[in-house]
Each structure stands twice: as structure tokens, then as C-alpha cells.
């Protein structure tokens, strides 16, 4: 049975960009807090927009929690202030310090890198200061309200609130053109989610099934039809690992070293510990793009699927440009190389419309369908292991408390619950990425939820900023 009826026998590649930022807007400043959002705008979102506006057939998934931040009042003004005042000054100070120490080459790189920020200011200004409106024509997939790991929620009502609120916020912002693509946070899937996904109008989700099929198996290239009617679309770990692994392209010596930084977190070195050379790095990005496309063509050719198959490479958008400085340049080169090497690059929604999927029951062959994610070990342990068990259990307990009080719980209480359910706090704690900040945020929302449940009258929700503005208490009473 063919996986893709594309009119070709080579198959097709879909690159899905999962675009997400923990809700940091208004919660903390350097070195942990909303600076992450400003840096992602400079390094990832604005450069990617240029590629999308040029017609690159990429699949953009925007999480509601990122959109909440980009829609927050005063966001453009505060971004401008950060870049024009804070970042301009930190570049000046670091360049001055390097020159005083005799490191002129490094100082020149700091001077050059300021141009990225200057270009971002000009680029956002040319878009009227509204980044979300600029992203709107390209927004295809949505996600749950606050990026909760859905299989870890305590109830169907909790899953329903996350899923339906996410879909509602997408439709409010981007219209009714949504075709049903839904990014499962952390690619975390379990069969008991099917009802909520089906009820919300979901047509497709991406899943990590490497442990089920094996790395590089041809089954990774075939969408799977569930009994609920939507598609499970496997992501191809063998291809993604070319980019997203310890040995992936970003580790190359020519690329800018994200972890080796100056006093103010600027990065004038490459991965070899030498002064960064942008000309060398961009040439290497083009070489890696050629390699990526050639390997993708070979992967599809060797899949032994009639029709060649559909290969889905899913990446965090922020990896490109922010974590991997040359990532957007690499992606642009992949788009060009796909044409040059005869690889069909397609938006995932378009590809799925012409798919003839296999049936989930046939794929499972009597086995129990696994709970899976794209986290460590392919399971849910990144968000539920002993190191973060307190977060996992406290979040579930809070959900049950809010459900028990749903008839009288305020909208603010529900929003605080959703803030607590974000996958980011457990992930950051488990991986040791600004863990004190993550725990502080988790405990802050936990205390605010308890306070909201104790109040009889509607309270001022300003402490939540613009988080989960599309949810209300009725969402927990809908089933």
C-alpha cells in the first residue's frame, strides 16, 4: 500500500518546525527569564520569517503559549528597549574588554554580531512591530494551551481543557483555515487521548515511534490511521539525528560555540575554540545542507515503500538560529538543495491530503500501543522520573483539586492550573537548564493557584500576564 501518492516514486520530505517558548514574558530578566524570548526573536523568529515569506514550503507549528507572549501588550516596545539599550551596551562593553586584553579578532566578531540585533530592530520595525501578525500567514499547526504533557494529566477533563483551549486560541488568532494539525507537546502520545483530540477536530499529530519500529525502519515513513479518525505521523529519528544529536551538524568545529561566551553572553568563538569565522561557518552550513538532502533522498530510496514514503523531520524552531547560530542559513540551503537534488519538499498538511495511511490495528499486530514521546528513552520519564516526581504528582493533585471545585473555581484558578501543567518546568529541572528558575516558577504558580481557590470573588489576573487568555472555567465542565 503506498504511503504517498505524489506522482513520483521518490517520496517526499516534510520539515515541521515546532515553535515554542516557556512563558517567560514578564517573569524574570537576565540571566533567566524574558531575555530568552527576545533572543529567540532576534536569532530564530525574524530570520525564519524571511525564509517563509520567500515561499519555503515548511510546516510551522506555533504553540498558544508562545502566541500569548507575542500578543502581550507592549511586547514590541520592550523588545526594542532590550535590543537598543541592553544589547547595544553589552556588545560595546564586551568588545572594549576584549580589545583591552589584546583580542582584537574576537572584538571585531562582537562588533559584527551586533549587526544581527540591528537587523532585527529594522526588520520588526518594517513589520509594524507586530511579529505575531507577520507569522499569521504561515501558522499551520497548533498545540495545547500551555504545552502540557497530555498523557501525564490526571483526567479527561484536564486533557479536554488543554486541547480545546489550544485550538480555540489558534482559531481566534489565525481564523478558521486550520486544517487540523496538532502538535502534541513533547510528541507525547497515548491512546486514551484520542477522544479529546477527535472532539477538537484534530486531523493529524506527530509521534515518536522509534522504539516501536526501530531506528531507520520503513514503517517510520507511513502515516497511521487511528480508529478515532485522525492520523499518527511518525517523525524520522534517523534523519533528525543528523541535526539534533550530540554528533549532529551543529557540533562541527566551524560553527559558533553557543556555550563559550563572554561576560555578557556573546559568542565570538567557534566550536574549535578559535575566533569565529562567519564565512567559513556559512560555507559549512551549505555543505551540511547538501549532505542532509542527499541522505534524505537515500533514506527514501531505501525505504522499500511503494511511492517512496513521507519522511517527517521535526525540529524545535529555536534550535535554528538561537542554539545553532547557522541553523536558519542551513535550512535555507536545504530548501535550495531539495530543488537541486530533485527532492520534493512539502508542507505536511498538503502531503497528508494525498496519503493512503496504514491502519493502527494492523501496525500494532495485537500489541498494546505504547505511550511514547520524543524525550529521553522515548517515554515520559523526562517529565515524571524520580528527579521531577514532586512536580508530576503535585501537578496532578492540583488538577484534581480544581476539578473538585470546578463549579466555583474562578477563571484565574483555571489559568493558574494550566500554567502549572506546562511541560517546561519539569524539563528544565530534569535537564539542569536554569533549574532554580523553573522550580521558582512552578512554586509560584502553585501558591497562586491555592490562593485563587480560596477566594470567593474574581481576583485580578494580572499576575498571569497574558498566559492562557482563551481558557475559562467552562472548559473544565465541558465533558
Protein backbone atom coordinates (compact mmCIF):
# COMPACT_ATOMS: atom_id res chain seq x y z
CA UNK A 1 0.00 0.00 0.00
CA UNK A 2 1.60 3.31 -1.00
CA UNK A 3 2.32 5.80 1.74
CA UNK A 4 2.20 8.85 -0.52
CA UNK A 5 0.55 9.20 -3.90
CA UNK A 6 2.75 12.03 -5.05
CA UNK A 7 3.00 11.31 -8.72
CA UNK A 8 6.63 10.38 -8.08
CA UNK A 9 8.40 7.31 -6.78
CA UNK A 10 10.97 9.19 -4.72
CA UNK A 11 8.73 10.13 -1.80
CA UNK A 12 8.69 13.48 -0.06
CA UNK A 13 10.21 15.38 2.86
CA UNK A 14 8.19 17.47 5.31
CA UNK A 15 10.11 19.68 7.75
CA UNK A 16 7.97 20.52 10.78
CA UNK A 17 9.13 23.43 12.93
CA UNK A 18 7.82 23.21 16.47
CA UNK A 19 7.89 26.81 17.68
CA UNK A 20 7.61 27.16 21.44
CA UNK A 21 8.88 29.27 24.30
CA UNK A 22 8.06 28.78 28.00
CA UNK A 23 6.00 31.68 29.29
CA UNK A 24 8.89 33.93 30.33
CA UNK A 25 7.45 37.31 29.27
CA UNK A 26 7.38 39.43 32.41
CA UNK A 27 8.84 36.67 34.58
CA UNK A 28 12.47 37.45 35.33
CA UNK A 29 15.32 39.08 33.45
CA UNK A 30 18.92 38.25 32.64
CA UNK A 31 20.31 35.63 33.00
CA UNK A 32 17.00 33.73 33.27
CA UNK A 33 13.66 34.98 32.11
CA UNK A 34 12.19 37.01 29.29
CA UNK A 35 15.59 37.61 27.68
CA UNK A 36 15.13 34.12 26.18
CA UNK A 37 12.15 35.40 24.22
CA UNK A 38 13.98 38.49 22.95
CA UNK A 39 16.96 36.40 21.86
CA UNK A 40 14.74 33.90 20.03
CA UNK A 41 13.06 36.77 18.18
CA UNK A 42 16.47 38.02 17.04
CA UNK A 43 18.07 34.69 16.23
CA UNK A 44 15.19 32.46 15.14
CA UNK A 45 11.80 34.01 14.50
CA UNK A 46 12.68 37.03 12.38
CA UNK A 47 15.28 35.21 10.20
CA UNK A 48 12.87 32.32 9.71
CA UNK A 49 10.12 34.72 8.66
CA UNK A 50 12.25 35.92 5.76
CA UNK A 51 12.55 32.32 4.56
CA UNK A 52 8.82 31.66 4.95
CA UNK A 53 7.88 34.90 3.23
CA UNK A 54 10.06 33.82 0.31
CA UNK A 55 7.79 30.78 -0.14
CA UNK A 56 9.74 27.98 1.54
CA UNK A 57 7.31 25.01 1.89
CA UNK A 58 7.88 24.42 5.59
CA UNK A 59 5.35 23.42 8.25
CA UNK A 60 5.15 25.96 11.07
CA UNK A 61 3.63 24.96 14.37
CA UNK A 62 3.07 27.78 16.86
CA UNK A 63 2.20 26.94 20.45
CA UNK A 64 -0.54 29.01 22.07
CA UNK A 65 1.79 29.88 24.96
CA UNK A 66 4.29 31.46 22.55
CA UNK A 67 1.47 33.35 20.83
CA UNK A 68 0.25 34.54 24.24
CA UNK A 69 3.64 36.20 24.73
CA UNK A 70 3.88 37.68 21.25
CA UNK A 71 0.38 39.10 21.72
CA UNK A 72 1.10 40.62 25.14
CA UNK A 73 0.67 44.40 25.47
CA UNK A 74 3.86 46.38 24.99
CA UNK A 75 5.87 43.47 23.65
CA UNK A 76 7.37 45.33 20.69
CA UNK A 77 8.37 48.32 22.80
CA UNK A 78 10.09 46.17 25.42
CA UNK A 79 11.89 44.13 22.78
CA UNK A 80 13.11 47.35 21.17
CA UNK A 81 14.28 48.66 24.52
CA UNK A 82 16.15 45.44 25.28
CA UNK A 83 17.95 45.42 21.95
CA UNK A 84 18.67 49.13 21.54
CA UNK A 85 19.70 49.71 25.14
CA UNK A 86 20.78 46.48 26.84
CA UNK A 87 22.23 44.55 23.91
CA UNK A 88 23.86 47.54 22.27
CA UNK A 89 25.64 48.31 25.54
CA UNK A 90 26.69 44.70 26.29
CA UNK A 91 28.22 44.41 22.84
CA UNK A 92 30.11 47.64 23.41
CA UNK A 93 31.38 46.57 26.82
CA UNK A 94 32.49 43.11 25.69
CA UNK A 95 34.24 44.43 22.58
CA UNK A 96 36.02 47.07 24.68
CA UNK A 97 37.14 44.49 27.20
CA UNK A 98 38.45 42.12 24.53
CA UNK A 99 40.41 44.89 22.84
CA UNK A 100 41.92 45.93 26.15
CA UNK A 101 43.09 42.35 26.57
CA UNK A 102 44.65 42.26 23.12
CA UNK A 103 41.96 40.10 21.50
CA UNK A 104 41.19 42.31 18.50
CA UNK A 105 39.87 39.50 16.29
CA UNK A 106 37.33 38.47 18.93
CA UNK A 107 36.37 42.11 19.45
CA UNK A 108 35.69 42.51 15.73
CA UNK A 109 33.40 39.48 15.86
CA UNK A 110 31.48 41.04 18.74
CA UNK A 111 31.13 44.21 16.66
CA UNK A 112 29.90 42.18 13.67
CA UNK A 113 27.38 40.23 15.73
CA UNK A 114 25.74 43.47 16.87
CA UNK A 115 24.55 43.73 13.26
CA UNK A 116 22.19 40.80 13.90
CA UNK A 117 20.40 42.82 16.56
CA UNK A 118 20.37 45.95 14.45
CA UNK A 119 18.85 43.95 11.58
CA UNK A 120 16.22 42.55 13.94
CA UNK A 121 15.22 46.03 15.06
CA UNK A 122 14.89 47.18 11.47
CA UNK A 123 13.10 44.01 10.43
CA UNK A 124 10.50 44.18 13.17
CA UNK A 125 10.01 47.89 12.51
CA UNK A 126 9.35 47.17 8.86
CA UNK A 127 6.63 44.74 10.00
CA UNK A 128 4.92 47.39 12.08
CA UNK A 129 6.27 45.91 15.29
CA UNK A 130 3.78 43.02 15.14
CA UNK A 131 5.66 39.73 14.92
CA UNK A 132 2.57 37.59 15.54
CA UNK A 133 0.70 39.19 12.62
CA UNK A 134 3.72 38.53 10.41
CA UNK A 135 3.74 34.87 11.44
CA UNK A 136 -0.02 34.50 10.93
CA UNK A 137 0.02 33.63 7.18
CA UNK A 138 2.41 30.77 7.94
CA UNK A 139 0.78 29.40 11.12
CA UNK A 140 -0.46 25.91 10.26
CA UNK A 141 -0.34 23.71 13.37
CA UNK A 142 -1.31 24.49 16.94
CA UNK A 143 -0.80 22.77 20.29
CA UNK A 144 -2.25 22.51 23.78
CA UNK A 145 -2.92 25.66 25.78
CA UNK A 146 0.25 25.69 27.88
CA UNK A 147 2.35 22.86 26.40
CA UNK A 148 1.31 20.24 28.94
CA UNK A 149 2.46 16.63 28.55
CA UNK A 150 -1.04 15.35 27.91
CA UNK A 151 -0.63 11.66 28.91
CA UNK A 152 0.52 12.81 32.37
CA UNK A 153 -2.63 14.80 33.11
CA UNK A 154 -4.93 13.34 35.72
CA UNK A 155 -8.27 13.42 33.91
CA UNK A 156 -10.10 13.52 30.61
CA UNK A 157 -11.42 16.92 31.64
CA UNK A 158 -7.89 18.23 32.05
CA UNK A 159 -6.87 16.95 28.62
CA UNK A 160 -10.04 18.44 27.13
CA UNK A 161 -9.29 21.86 28.62
CA UNK A 162 -5.71 21.89 27.30
CA UNK A 163 -6.59 20.67 23.80
CA UNK A 164 -9.76 22.67 23.19
CA UNK A 165 -8.29 25.88 24.61
CA UNK A 166 -5.29 25.49 22.33
CA UNK A 167 -7.46 25.00 19.26
CA UNK A 168 -9.73 27.87 20.26
CA UNK A 169 -6.80 30.27 20.66
CA UNK A 170 -5.42 29.27 17.25
CA UNK A 171 -8.74 29.89 15.53
CA UNK A 172 -9.22 33.23 17.26
CA UNK A 173 -5.82 34.43 16.16
CA UNK A 174 -5.49 32.90 12.73
CA UNK A 175 -9.04 32.27 11.50
CA UNK A 176 -10.89 29.15 10.50
CA UNK A 177 -8.35 27.94 7.97
CA UNK A 178 -6.87 25.45 10.42
CA UNK A 179 -6.66 22.01 8.79
CA UNK A 180 -6.45 20.01 12.00
CA UNK A 181 -2.70 19.71 12.56
CA UNK A 182 -1.97 19.50 16.29
CA UNK A 183 1.49 19.34 17.83
CA UNK A 184 1.42 17.04 20.84
CA UNK A 185 3.72 18.70 23.40
CA UNK A 186 6.95 16.71 23.57
CA UNK A 187 5.37 14.38 20.95
CA UNK A 188 3.79 12.65 23.96
CA UNK A 189 1.01 10.32 22.81
CA UNK A 190 -1.18 7.71 24.45
CA UNK A 191 -4.33 6.08 23.02
CA UNK A 192 -6.52 7.50 25.77
CA UNK A 193 -6.02 10.96 24.28
CA UNK A 194 -7.95 10.02 21.17
CA UNK A 195 -11.37 11.18 22.32
CA UNK A 196 -10.26 14.71 23.22
CA UNK A 197 -8.24 15.04 20.01
CA UNK A 198 -11.12 13.83 17.86
CA UNK A 199 -13.63 16.09 19.61
CA UNK A 200 -11.38 19.11 18.99
CA UNK A 201 -11.26 18.45 15.24
CA UNK A 202 -7.66 17.24 15.14
CA UNK A 203 -6.73 15.56 11.85
CA UNK A 204 -3.06 14.71 12.47
CA UNK A 205 -0.42 14.58 15.21
CA UNK A 206 3.30 13.78 15.09
CA UNK A 207 4.54 10.84 17.15
CA UNK A 208 7.90 9.29 18.06
CA UNK A 209 7.75 5.55 17.33
CA UNK A 210 11.43 4.69 17.08
CA UNK A 211 11.25 2.20 19.96
CA UNK A 212 8.23 0.53 18.36
CA UNK A 213 9.60 0.15 14.83
CA UNK A 214 13.36 0.54 15.21
CA UNK A 215 15.69 3.31 14.06
CA UNK A 216 15.52 3.81 10.31
CA UNK A 217 12.65 1.33 9.78
CA UNK A 218 10.48 1.90 6.68
CA UNK A 219 7.42 1.99 8.94
CA UNK A 220 8.62 5.41 10.08
CA UNK A 221 7.65 6.76 6.66
CA UNK A 222 3.96 5.84 6.71
CA UNK A 223 1.13 7.81 8.37
CA UNK A 224 -1.11 5.67 10.55
CA UNK A 225 -4.89 5.98 10.76
CA UNK A 226 -6.40 5.69 14.23
CA UNK A 227 -9.87 4.36 14.99
CA UNK A 228 -10.74 7.92 16.07
CA UNK A 229 -10.18 9.10 12.52
CA UNK A 230 -7.05 11.24 12.81
CA UNK A 231 -3.54 10.35 11.65
CA UNK A 232 -0.45 9.49 13.64
CA UNK A 233 2.50 10.79 11.66
CA UNK A 234 5.83 9.23 12.71
CA UNK A 235 8.83 11.51 12.88
CA UNK A 236 12.04 10.06 11.47
CA UNK A 237 14.65 9.94 14.20
CA UNK A 238 17.34 8.64 11.82
CA UNK A 239 17.09 11.84 9.78
CA UNK A 240 16.52 14.20 12.69
CA UNK A 241 19.67 12.92 14.40
CA UNK A 242 21.74 14.37 11.59
CA UNK A 243 20.81 17.73 13.12
CA UNK A 244 19.58 17.08 16.63
CA UNK A 245 22.13 14.93 18.44
CA UNK A 246 25.46 15.31 20.20
CA UNK A 247 27.20 14.36 16.96
CA UNK A 248 24.87 16.34 14.69
CA UNK A 249 25.81 19.14 12.33
CA UNK A 250 25.76 21.90 15.00
CA UNK A 251 28.75 20.24 16.73
CA UNK A 252 31.03 20.93 13.75
CA UNK A 253 34.16 22.87 14.66
CA UNK A 254 33.44 25.75 12.27
CA UNK A 255 30.13 26.67 13.86
CA UNK A 256 29.71 29.26 16.58
CA UNK A 257 30.02 27.84 20.08
CA UNK A 258 26.82 28.59 22.00
CA UNK A 259 28.26 27.56 25.36
CA UNK A 260 31.55 29.51 25.29
CA UNK A 261 30.62 33.09 25.95
CA UNK A 262 31.82 36.47 27.17
CA UNK A 263 30.75 38.19 30.37
CA UNK A 264 27.50 39.32 28.75
CA UNK A 265 26.82 36.03 26.97
CA UNK A 266 28.06 36.89 23.50
CA UNK A 267 29.78 34.18 21.48
CA UNK A 268 32.86 35.17 19.46
CA UNK A 269 34.39 31.67 19.40
CA UNK A 270 33.75 28.62 17.23
CA UNK A 271 33.48 25.03 18.46
CA UNK A 272 37.23 24.58 17.95
CA UNK A 273 37.91 27.34 20.47
CA UNK A 274 39.13 29.74 17.81
CA UNK A 275 37.80 33.12 16.75
CA UNK A 276 34.53 32.59 14.91
CA UNK A 277 34.67 32.98 11.12
CA UNK A 278 31.16 33.53 9.69
CA UNK A 279 32.33 32.96 6.10
CA UNK A 280 33.73 29.54 6.96
CA UNK A 281 30.65 28.66 9.02
CA UNK A 282 28.16 29.57 6.27
CA UNK A 283 30.13 27.54 3.73
CA UNK A 284 29.98 24.60 6.13
CA UNK A 285 26.21 25.08 6.52
CA UNK A 286 25.80 24.76 2.74
CA UNK A 287 27.90 21.57 2.77
CA UNK A 288 25.75 20.14 5.54
CA UNK A 289 22.59 21.06 3.64
CA UNK A 290 23.84 19.12 0.62
CA UNK A 291 24.66 16.17 2.86
CA UNK A 292 21.26 16.32 4.59
CA UNK A 293 19.31 16.31 1.34
CA UNK A 294 21.46 13.54 -0.17
CA UNK A 295 20.95 11.38 2.91
CA UNK A 296 17.21 12.09 2.86
CA UNK A 297 16.99 11.06 -0.79
CA UNK A 298 18.86 7.86 0.05
CA UNK A 299 16.63 7.22 3.10
CA UNK A 300 13.51 7.48 0.97
CA UNK A 301 15.03 5.38 -1.82
CA UNK A 302 15.97 2.59 0.58
CA UNK A 303 12.67 2.60 2.44
CA UNK A 304 11.22 -0.09 0.15
CA UNK A 305 7.82 1.56 0.33
CA UNK A 306 5.83 1.92 -2.83
CA UNK A 307 5.57 5.61 -3.52
CA UNK A 308 8.76 6.25 -1.61
CA UNK A 309 7.18 7.29 1.66
CA UNK A 310 6.75 10.52 3.62
CA UNK A 311 9.74 11.49 5.73
CA UNK A 312 8.96 13.92 8.55
CA UNK A 313 11.87 15.80 10.11
CA UNK A 314 10.61 17.65 13.18
CA UNK A 315 12.84 20.24 14.86
CA UNK A 316 12.50 22.86 17.56
CA UNK A 317 12.45 26.17 15.72
CA UNK A 318 14.63 27.75 18.40
CA UNK A 319 17.39 25.25 17.61
CA UNK A 320 17.75 27.07 14.32
CA UNK A 321 19.38 30.46 14.75
CA UNK A 322 19.27 30.65 18.55
CA UNK A 323 21.01 27.50 19.79
CA UNK A 324 22.60 26.72 16.41
CA UNK A 325 23.58 30.12 15.12
CA UNK A 326 23.86 28.99 11.48
CA UNK A 327 20.68 26.90 11.62
CA UNK A 328 18.40 29.17 9.58
CA UNK A 329 21.11 29.52 6.92
CA UNK A 330 21.36 25.73 6.85
CA UNK A 331 17.58 25.46 6.49
CA UNK A 332 17.54 27.95 3.61
CA UNK A 333 20.25 25.91 1.91
CA UNK A 334 18.20 22.72 2.43
CA UNK A 335 15.30 24.35 0.58
CA UNK A 336 17.61 25.19 -2.33
CA UNK A 337 19.30 21.80 -2.30
CA UNK A 338 15.98 19.97 -2.34
CA UNK A 339 15.19 21.56 -5.69
CA UNK A 340 18.71 20.93 -6.98
CA UNK A 341 18.70 17.25 -5.98
CA UNK A 342 15.12 16.53 -7.02
CA UNK A 343 13.75 16.02 -3.51
CA UNK A 344 10.12 17.06 -3.06
CA UNK A 345 9.84 19.31 -0.03
CA UNK A 346 6.20 19.63 1.06
CA UNK A 347 4.09 21.16 3.78
CA UNK A 348 2.83 18.35 5.97
CA UNK A 349 -0.86 19.19 5.61
CA UNK A 350 -0.55 19.03 1.82
CA UNK A 351 1.29 15.72 1.94
CA UNK A 352 -1.27 14.13 4.27
CA UNK A 353 -4.13 15.01 1.94
CA UNK A 354 -2.70 12.67 -0.67
CA UNK A 355 -1.65 9.93 1.74
CA UNK A 356 -3.07 6.45 1.91
CA UNK A 357 -2.27 5.54 5.51
CA UNK A 358 -1.90 2.17 7.13
CA UNK A 359 -4.33 1.21 9.89
CA UNK A 360 -3.23 1.40 13.52
CA UNK A 361 -4.64 -2.03 14.38
CA UNK A 362 -2.63 -3.60 11.59
CA UNK A 363 0.54 -1.81 12.62
CA UNK A 364 0.17 -2.87 16.24
CA UNK A 365 -0.37 -6.53 15.24
CA UNK A 366 -2.06 -7.33 18.52
CA UNK A 367 0.48 -5.45 20.64
CA UNK A 368 -0.56 -2.78 23.11
CA UNK A 369 0.04 0.64 21.61
CA UNK A 370 2.90 2.27 23.52
CA UNK A 371 2.91 5.54 25.38
CA UNK A 372 5.65 7.50 23.68
CA UNK A 373 7.40 10.86 23.43
CA UNK A 374 10.48 12.38 21.84
CA UNK A 375 12.07 12.73 25.27
CA UNK A 376 14.91 10.69 26.70
CA UNK A 377 14.28 6.93 26.30
CA UNK A 378 11.22 7.67 24.12
CA UNK A 379 8.92 7.58 27.16
CA UNK A 380 7.58 10.09 29.70
CA UNK A 381 10.43 9.81 32.21
CA UNK A 382 11.87 13.24 31.40
CA UNK A 383 8.72 14.72 32.97
CA UNK A 384 7.93 12.02 35.56
CA UNK A 385 11.21 10.41 36.72
CA UNK A 386 12.15 10.48 40.42
CA UNK A 387 14.15 13.69 39.92
CA UNK A 388 10.95 15.54 38.98
CA UNK A 389 8.37 13.30 40.64
CA UNK A 390 7.28 16.06 43.02
CA UNK A 391 6.40 18.29 40.08
CA UNK A 392 4.50 15.50 38.34
CA UNK A 393 2.49 14.45 41.40
CA UNK A 394 1.82 18.00 42.59
CA UNK A 395 0.52 18.96 39.16
CA UNK A 396 -1.86 16.00 39.01
CA UNK A 397 -3.08 16.65 42.56
CA UNK A 398 -3.71 20.30 41.72
CA UNK A 399 -5.74 19.29 38.68
CA UNK A 400 -7.98 17.06 40.79
CA UNK A 401 -8.46 19.80 43.37
CA UNK A 402 -9.52 22.27 40.68
CA UNK A 403 -11.89 19.70 39.15
CA UNK A 404 -13.49 19.08 42.54
CA UNK A 405 -14.03 22.82 42.88
CA UNK A 406 -14.87 23.43 39.22
CA UNK A 407 -18.35 24.78 39.92
CA UNK A 408 -16.92 27.65 41.97
CA UNK A 409 -13.33 27.90 40.72
CA UNK A 410 -12.54 31.21 39.06
CA UNK A 411 -11.09 31.57 35.60
CA UNK A 412 -7.88 32.71 37.26
CA UNK A 413 -7.66 29.43 39.16
CA UNK A 414 -8.05 27.50 35.92
CA UNK A 415 -5.38 29.61 34.24
CA UNK A 416 -3.01 29.05 37.15
CA UNK A 417 -3.60 25.30 36.83
CA UNK A 418 -2.74 25.44 33.15
CA UNK A 419 0.41 27.42 33.97
CA UNK A 420 1.36 24.71 36.47
CA UNK A 421 0.83 21.99 33.85
CA UNK A 422 3.41 23.38 31.39
CA UNK A 423 5.99 20.75 30.49
CA UNK A 424 8.78 23.31 30.72
CA UNK A 425 9.23 23.29 34.49
CA UNK A 426 9.89 19.56 34.74
CA UNK A 427 12.00 19.52 31.57
CA UNK A 428 14.25 22.36 32.73
CA UNK A 429 14.62 20.80 36.17
CA UNK A 430 15.37 17.33 34.81
CA UNK A 431 17.93 18.61 32.31
CA UNK A 432 19.51 21.12 34.68
CA UNK A 433 18.65 24.06 32.41
CA UNK A 434 18.07 27.01 34.73
CA UNK A 435 16.57 24.56 37.22
CA UNK A 436 16.25 27.10 40.08
CA UNK A 437 14.26 29.39 37.80
CA UNK A 438 11.98 26.51 36.73
CA UNK A 439 11.32 25.47 40.34
CA UNK A 440 10.69 29.07 41.34
CA UNK A 441 8.15 29.44 38.57
CA UNK A 442 6.45 26.15 39.43
CA UNK A 443 6.15 27.00 43.12
CA UNK A 444 4.93 30.50 42.30
CA UNK A 445 2.05 29.21 40.18
CA UNK A 446 1.32 26.55 42.79
CA UNK A 447 0.94 29.19 45.52
CA UNK A 448 -1.11 31.44 43.26
CA UNK A 449 -3.46 28.57 42.44
CA UNK A 450 -4.03 27.80 46.12
CA UNK A 451 -4.76 31.47 46.77
CA UNK A 452 -7.17 31.71 43.84
CA UNK A 453 -9.11 28.69 45.07
CA UNK A 454 -9.53 30.28 48.49
CA UNK A 455 -11.06 33.49 47.15
CA UNK A 456 -14.79 33.74 46.57
CA UNK A 457 -14.71 36.76 44.27
CA UNK A 458 -12.97 37.11 40.90
CA UNK A 459 -9.41 38.24 41.50
CA UNK A 460 -7.09 40.41 39.46
CA UNK A 461 -5.43 38.06 36.96
CA UNK A 462 -2.59 40.44 36.10
CA UNK A 463 -0.04 38.21 37.82
CA UNK A 464 -0.53 35.72 34.98
CA UNK A 465 0.36 38.33 32.37
CA UNK A 466 -1.16 37.24 29.04
CA UNK A 467 -0.97 33.50 29.71
CA UNK A 468 -3.84 31.26 28.56
CA UNK A 469 -6.22 34.13 27.90
CA UNK A 470 -8.55 31.92 25.86
CA UNK A 471 -9.35 29.47 28.63
CA UNK A 472 -12.21 29.75 31.10
CA UNK A 473 -13.73 27.58 33.80
CA UNK A 474 -16.36 26.28 31.39
CA UNK A 475 -13.63 24.31 29.62
CA UNK A 476 -13.33 22.02 32.64
CA UNK A 477 -17.09 21.45 32.74
CA UNK A 478 -17.45 20.63 29.04
CA UNK A 479 -17.36 16.85 29.46
